[in-house]
Protein backbone atom coordinates (compact mmCIF):
# COMPACT_ATOMS: atom_id res chain seq x y z
CA MET A 1 100.12 114.68 76.10
CA ASN A 2 102.83 112.28 75.90
CA VAL A 3 104.65 112.03 79.22
CA ILE A 4 107.30 109.83 80.39
CA ARG A 5 106.54 107.37 83.24
CA SER A 6 108.66 105.47 85.55
CA VAL A 7 107.10 101.82 85.40
CA VAL A 8 108.05 99.04 87.63
CA THR A 9 109.12 96.08 85.28
CA GLY A 10 110.55 93.75 87.87
CA THR A 11 110.82 93.08 91.51
CA GLY A 12 113.51 91.04 93.73
CA SER A 13 114.15 90.17 97.15
CA TYR A 14 116.56 88.52 99.35
CA LEU A 15 116.57 87.45 103.21
CA PRO A 16 119.44 85.94 104.80
CA GLU A 17 119.45 82.24 105.68
CA LYS A 18 119.84 82.13 109.42
CA ILE A 19 116.21 83.19 111.39
CA LEU A 20 116.24 84.48 114.70
CA THR A 21 112.76 83.77 116.36
CA ASN A 22 111.14 85.65 119.25
CA TYR A 23 112.15 82.35 121.37
CA ASP A 24 115.78 82.92 120.44
CA ILE A 25 115.49 86.20 121.63
CA GLU A 26 114.22 85.30 124.94
CA GLN A 27 117.33 83.73 125.81
CA LYS A 28 119.42 86.88 125.04
CA VAL A 29 117.03 89.42 126.97
CA ASP A 30 114.19 89.59 129.56
CA THR A 31 111.37 89.32 126.74
CA THR A 32 108.76 87.07 125.51
CA ASP A 33 107.29 85.91 122.37
CA GLU A 34 104.05 86.88 123.61
CA TRP A 35 105.03 90.34 124.55
CA ILE A 36 106.75 90.82 121.06
CA VAL A 37 104.02 89.64 119.12
CA GLU A 38 101.26 91.62 120.97
CA ARG A 39 103.15 94.96 120.55
CA THR A 40 104.98 94.53 117.14
CA GLY A 41 103.49 91.73 115.17
CA ILE A 42 106.98 90.38 114.72
CA LYS A 43 107.47 86.54 115.03
CA GLN A 44 110.76 86.40 113.57
CA ARG A 45 114.13 88.06 111.74
CA HIS A 46 116.82 87.11 109.27
CA ILE A 47 120.38 87.75 110.37
CA ALA A 48 123.25 88.15 107.92
CA ALA A 49 125.98 85.62 108.01
CA GLN A 50 129.45 86.93 109.56
CA ASP A 51 131.12 86.88 105.87
CA GLU A 52 128.01 88.73 104.35
CA VAL A 53 128.00 92.49 103.80
CA THR A 54 125.09 94.81 102.71
CA SER A 55 126.14 94.60 99.10
CA ASP A 56 125.80 90.94 99.11
CA LEU A 57 122.16 91.08 100.17
CA ALA A 58 121.61 93.98 97.53
CA VAL A 59 123.04 91.92 94.39
CA ILE A 60 121.14 88.87 94.97
CA ALA A 61 117.99 91.08 95.14
CA ALA A 62 119.13 93.25 92.06
CA GLU A 63 119.49 89.92 90.17
CA ARG A 64 116.19 88.85 91.00
CA ALA A 65 114.57 91.84 89.96
CA LEU A 66 116.54 91.97 86.49
CA LEU A 67 115.44 88.33 85.87
CA SER A 68 111.80 89.47 86.62
CA ALA A 69 112.09 92.56 84.35
CA GLY A 70 113.58 90.53 81.65
CA LEU A 71 116.70 92.89 81.41
CA ASP A 72 120.52 92.30 81.20
CA ALA A 73 122.53 94.12 83.77
CA SER A 74 124.37 95.94 81.11
CA GLU A 75 120.87 97.61 80.01
CA ILE A 76 121.02 99.29 83.46
CA ASP A 77 121.93 102.99 83.34
CA LEU A 78 121.64 104.07 86.85
CA ILE A 79 122.07 102.11 90.43
CA ILE A 80 120.57 103.67 93.39
CA VAL A 81 121.21 101.85 96.68
CA ALA A 82 119.08 102.83 99.92
CA THR A 83 121.10 102.12 103.09
CA SER A 84 122.11 103.18 106.52
CA THR A 85 124.48 100.37 107.08
CA PRO A 86 126.68 100.67 103.94
CA ASP A 87 129.65 97.87 103.50
CA GLN A 88 132.21 100.63 103.94
CA THR A 89 132.06 104.57 104.84
CA PHE A 90 133.37 104.74 101.29
CA PRO A 91 133.14 103.92 98.41
CA SER A 92 129.31 103.81 98.11
CA THR A 93 127.55 100.31 98.26
CA ALA A 94 125.93 101.29 95.19
CA THR A 95 129.25 101.20 93.15
CA THR A 96 130.25 97.90 94.81
CA VAL A 97 127.07 96.41 93.54
CA GLN A 98 127.60 97.99 90.24
CA ARG A 99 131.13 95.97 90.04
CA LYS A 100 129.50 92.80 91.30
CA LEU A 101 126.78 92.77 88.61
CA GLY A 102 129.42 93.58 85.98
CA ILE A 103 128.09 96.79 85.03
CA THR A 104 130.71 99.44 83.74
CA ARG A 105 128.35 102.29 82.62
CA GLY A 106 126.09 104.48 83.72
CA ALA A 107 126.07 106.23 87.44
CA ALA A 108 125.61 104.27 90.93
CA PHE A 109 125.24 106.00 94.24
CA ASP A 110 123.78 105.45 97.80
CA VAL A 111 120.91 107.34 99.53
CA GLN A 112 120.68 107.70 103.13
CA ALA A 113 117.21 108.34 104.65
CA VAL A 114 117.07 105.39 107.15
CA CYS A 115 113.56 103.65 106.73
CA SER A 116 112.38 106.19 104.28
CA GLY A 117 115.25 105.27 102.05
CA PHE A 118 113.48 103.28 99.61
CA ILE A 119 110.77 105.91 98.95
CA TYR A 120 113.68 108.50 98.65
CA ALA A 121 115.67 106.50 96.14
CA LEU A 122 112.47 105.60 94.16
CA THR A 123 111.68 109.01 93.74
CA THR A 124 115.04 110.27 92.62
CA ALA A 125 115.02 107.53 89.93
CA ASP A 126 111.86 108.64 88.90
CA ASN A 127 113.29 112.12 88.60
CA PHE A 128 116.05 111.07 86.53
CA ILE A 129 113.92 108.98 84.06
CA LYS A 130 111.61 112.14 83.64
CA ALA A 131 114.51 114.02 82.90
CA GLY A 132 115.40 111.77 80.14
CA GLN A 133 118.70 111.08 82.14
CA ALA A 134 118.18 107.32 82.58
CA LYS A 135 116.00 104.61 80.71
CA ASN A 136 116.60 101.59 83.12
CA VAL A 137 117.21 102.25 86.92
CA LEU A 138 117.90 99.54 89.50
CA VAL A 139 116.47 100.74 92.84
CA ILE A 140 117.71 98.74 96.02
CA GLY A 141 116.70 98.99 99.63
CA ALA A 142 119.54 96.90 101.53
CA GLU A 143 120.38 96.83 105.19
CA ILE A 144 122.21 94.73 108.03
CA PHE A 145 121.02 96.30 111.04
CA SER A 146 121.73 93.57 113.23
CA ARG A 147 125.19 94.89 113.09
CA ILE A 148 124.22 98.27 114.66
CA LEU A 149 121.62 96.74 117.40
CA ASP A 150 122.61 96.82 121.24
CA TRP A 151 121.65 93.09 121.81
CA GLU A 152 121.14 94.03 125.61
CA ASP A 153 118.66 96.64 124.69
CA ARG A 154 115.29 94.70 124.73
CA THR A 155 113.33 97.84 123.53
CA THR A 156 115.17 97.74 120.21
CA CYS A 157 117.07 94.55 119.54
CA VAL A 158 113.34 92.80 119.13
CA LEU A 159 112.38 94.83 116.15
CA PHE A 160 114.96 95.00 113.63
CA GLY A 161 116.51 92.17 110.87
CA ASP A 162 118.41 92.09 107.88
CA GLY A 163 117.36 92.03 104.32
CA ALA A 164 117.24 93.52 100.79
CA GLY A 165 114.77 94.17 98.11
CA ALA A 166 114.82 95.79 94.72
CA VAL A 167 112.78 96.99 91.78
CA VAL A 168 113.86 97.93 88.25
CA LEU A 169 112.08 100.96 86.97
CA THR A 170 111.63 101.35 83.15
CA ALA A 171 111.03 104.72 81.17
CA MET A 172 107.57 104.32 79.46
CA SER A 173 105.45 106.68 77.47
CA GLY A 174 102.34 107.89 79.02
CA THR A 175 99.33 110.07 78.56
CA GLY A 176 99.67 112.00 81.57
CA ASN A 177 96.49 111.11 83.57
CA VAL A 178 96.09 108.83 86.14
CA SER A 179 95.33 105.72 83.78
CA ASP A 180 98.95 105.43 83.06
CA ARG A 181 100.84 102.78 84.22
CA GLY A 182 104.07 103.91 86.29
CA ILE A 183 104.77 106.39 89.21
CA LEU A 184 102.03 108.95 89.37
CA ALA A 185 103.08 110.97 92.16
CA SER A 186 105.74 111.22 95.13
CA ARG A 187 106.18 113.12 98.13
CA ILE A 188 109.23 113.20 100.52
CA HIS A 189 109.64 115.29 103.94
CA SER A 190 112.18 115.40 106.71
CA ASP A 191 111.93 117.31 109.80
CA GLY A 192 115.52 117.32 111.93
CA ARG A 193 114.24 118.63 114.97
CA TYR A 194 112.94 115.23 115.79
CA SER A 195 116.45 113.37 115.30
CA ASN A 196 116.88 112.61 118.90
CA LEU A 197 114.06 110.23 119.00
CA LEU A 198 115.45 107.65 116.68
CA TYR A 199 119.45 107.76 115.84
CA VAL A 200 122.32 105.73 116.18
CA ASP A 201 124.64 107.10 118.88
CA GLY A 202 128.03 106.77 116.51
CA GLY A 203 129.42 108.40 113.70
CA VAL A 204 132.58 108.80 111.62
CA SER A 205 133.15 112.52 112.33
CA SER A 206 131.64 112.41 115.96
CA THR A 207 132.69 109.22 117.96
CA GLY A 208 134.75 107.38 115.22
CA THR A 209 132.64 104.22 115.86
CA VAL A 210 129.74 102.69 114.13
CA GLY A 211 127.53 103.07 117.42
CA HIS A 212 124.20 101.49 118.25
CA LEU A 213 120.58 102.42 117.72
CA ARG A 214 118.38 104.35 119.96
CA MET A 215 114.76 104.96 119.89
CA LYS A 216 111.72 106.57 121.82
CA GLY A 217 109.34 104.00 120.72
CA LYS A 218 106.09 105.77 122.19
CA GLU A 219 107.00 109.27 120.55
CA VAL A 220 107.97 107.59 117.03
CA PHE A 221 104.84 105.94 117.21
CA LYS A 222 102.72 108.95 117.48
CA HIS A 223 104.56 110.85 114.75
CA ALA A 224 104.43 107.92 112.43
CA VAL A 225 100.82 107.58 112.30
CA LEU A 226 100.14 111.04 111.76
CA ASN A 227 102.86 111.60 109.18
CA LEU A 228 102.11 108.63 107.22
CA ALA A 229 98.39 109.45 106.95
CA SER A 230 99.54 112.99 106.09
CA VAL A 231 101.86 111.86 103.13
CA VAL A 232 99.42 109.56 101.65
CA GLY A 233 96.84 112.07 101.87
CA GLU A 234 99.14 114.26 99.63
CA VAL A 235 99.87 111.72 97.03
CA LEU A 236 96.23 110.91 96.66
CA GLU A 237 95.24 114.63 96.51
CA ASP A 238 97.98 115.18 93.59
CA CYS A 239 96.38 112.51 91.64
CA ASN A 240 92.70 113.56 92.64
CA LEU A 241 92.13 110.27 94.01
CA SER A 242 90.30 109.11 97.03
CA SER A 243 91.62 106.45 99.87
CA GLU A 244 88.54 104.23 98.28
CA GLN A 245 90.54 103.88 94.96
CA ILE A 246 93.49 102.47 96.68
CA ASP A 247 94.00 98.77 95.74
CA TRP A 248 97.13 98.27 97.97
CA ILE A 249 99.13 99.91 100.41
CA VAL A 250 102.67 98.75 100.64
CA PRO A 251 103.93 100.41 104.11
CA HIS A 252 107.28 100.22 105.76
CA GLN A 253 107.15 97.30 107.95
CA ALA A 254 108.39 98.87 111.23
CA ASN A 255 105.52 97.51 113.44
CA LYS A 256 102.04 96.22 112.90
CA ARG A 257 100.60 98.65 115.32
CA ILE A 258 101.67 101.47 113.21
CA LEU A 259 100.27 99.79 109.86
CA ASP A 260 97.12 99.02 111.52
CA GLY A 261 96.80 102.95 112.99
CA THR A 262 97.66 104.33 109.72
CA ALA A 263 95.16 101.98 107.69
CA ARG A 264 92.60 103.33 110.54
CA LYS A 265 93.41 107.05 110.14
CA LEU A 266 93.00 106.80 106.22
CA LYS A 267 89.92 104.93 106.40
CA VAL A 268 91.55 101.98 104.36
CA SER A 269 90.32 98.10 105.04
CA PRO A 270 93.15 96.45 106.75
CA GLU A 271 92.76 93.74 104.06
CA LYS A 272 94.16 96.46 101.76
CA VAL A 273 97.76 96.53 103.43
CA VAL A 274 100.24 94.23 102.71
CA ILE A 275 101.77 93.04 106.04
CA THR A 276 105.01 90.84 106.10
CA VAL A 277 106.66 92.30 109.36
CA GLN A 278 105.69 89.12 111.22
CA LYS A 279 108.53 86.98 108.80
CA HIS A 280 111.31 89.55 108.73
CA ALA A 281 110.79 92.55 111.31
CA ASN A 282 111.71 95.97 110.24
CA THR A 283 114.43 95.94 107.57
CA SER A 284 114.40 99.58 107.18
CA ALA A 285 115.18 100.59 103.57
CA ALA A 286 114.54 97.00 102.62
CA SER A 287 111.34 96.54 103.90
CA ILE A 288 109.04 98.01 101.52
CA PRO A 289 110.85 96.33 98.36
CA LEU A 290 110.75 92.93 100.56
CA ALA A 291 106.91 93.13 100.90
CA LEU A 292 106.32 94.64 97.38
CA ASP A 293 108.33 91.46 95.85
CA GLU A 294 106.05 89.20 97.97
CA ALA A 295 102.85 90.80 97.11
CA VAL A 296 103.71 90.69 93.09
CA ARG A 297 104.91 87.13 93.52
CA ASP A 298 101.96 85.69 95.30
CA GLY A 299 99.50 87.49 92.93
CA ARG A 300 98.05 90.03 95.20
CA ILE A 301 99.20 93.08 93.09
CA THR A 302 98.03 92.71 89.52
CA PRO A 303 98.23 95.12 86.29
CA GLY A 304 96.29 98.06 86.56
CA GLN A 305 95.93 98.47 90.30
CA VAL A 306 96.24 101.71 92.54
CA VAL A 307 99.50 100.96 94.85
CA ILE A 308 100.48 103.19 97.19
CA LEU A 309 104.42 103.01 99.01
CA GLU A 310 104.87 104.92 102.21
CA ALA A 311 107.21 104.97 105.23
CA MET A 312 108.80 107.02 107.90
CA GLY A 313 112.14 106.71 109.37
CA GLY A 314 114.91 108.42 111.53
CA GLY A 315 115.71 112.06 110.80
CA PHE A 316 112.68 112.26 110.79
CA THR A 317 112.09 111.37 107.27
CA TRP A 318 108.76 110.34 105.54
CA GLY A 319 107.39 109.73 102.07
CA ALA A 320 105.06 108.10 99.66
CA CYS A 321 104.97 107.19 96.18
CA LEU A 322 101.63 106.15 94.27
CA LEU A 323 101.89 104.23 91.37
CA ARG A 324 99.38 102.38 88.77
CA TRP A 325 100.95 98.53 88.56
């Protein structure tokens, strides 16, 4: 059976120049490098310059992904940007990226699912490709979370950073079995009952302000490990694969304890989990493509391998994609 598959043909990423270490944060709030590393695994985060906006980060990551894919921007049919920190209320950050890349064809829009945003965007792009409505799609996760942090709240300000990552998805012919390259299965979920555990206390129609991020960390941790293990199990079942057949898990880089807990629940070796959280902290929708780009460029992820991407974020939202590289 001949089917259309969405194959990752290029990856790219960008981190702002400014680095804020745990020692720098010690000067701002009552915390220590030892405490942060022990509980989160984070050692530093990147902070966008005052004159940088989310689309600036997204464009650099996108250009690097296009170069990796060997494509010109004019060949892109669709741009999907996953972000919770857009340049403006409107227009979408995706249309701004489209303009900055010099693209005047196709379509562009944003997806907002917080830390799960890249999985939601990837799943959406895959469905456009499978429906024959796009051939080359630019999927970007980009965030400037430093602008919505309460820098006096030591429970949250140590956890997040800024960055962007991107992939190019290209339509290719497949046989319809799990030996195909590309996205083989994806699942996304949400449950709004838990929105009060991770949220921003502002908004256009509620307060007229941007607001600050608020989180109940212990409760989020418990839901994260359960939901992530569950959704990874779903995509494995969809493909009739076992956890032993996973070559790499590229998770949302929220907290090393969550990554370790999920791996244990799945009975996957920690050596198979790509971890970059120590370098850039939680960059929300940008964290999966940041980690993916690093693991591709340093040679860990190679053609033919089974790779799972997974994330959970505010909403709650969560999801996973299983693909063969």
